[in-house]
Amino acid sequence: MNAQRSLLEEVLPRFDANEVHDVWVTAPPHVVFAAVRQVTVQEVRLLRPLEALRALPGLFARRSVFWPNPSAPVLDQFTTGVVPLSERAGTEIGRRSHRPLLAPGR
């Protein structure tokens, strides 16, 4: 049995940590993929409160902070500034952030 490598394994064949989670969904991959693309920010119960906590340091420093649009799809809101590495249509997305963790001079 020769399993197809994931996009992550193709882009990053060696890494320092490994964590695996499985969720069995009784639907074809293209149906699940389409559903994931449609999930909105307001549908993820703890997302907005966690983003508010994440914004606190920026608010105290009087910097602009990111507030996700509640009615927008999560993938659209949280992949701005993310470089697509690869995609297998209807089953898998490989992306990486191109933004530095800390802005120069801060």
Foldseek 3Di string as FASTA:
>chain_A
DDDDDAPCCVVDVDDDDDDDDDDDDPDDLLVVLVVLQQAFQLNPPCNQVVQVVVCVVVVVVVHDGDHFDRNHRPCVRPCVQKAWPDDDPSHDTDIGHPDDPDDPPD
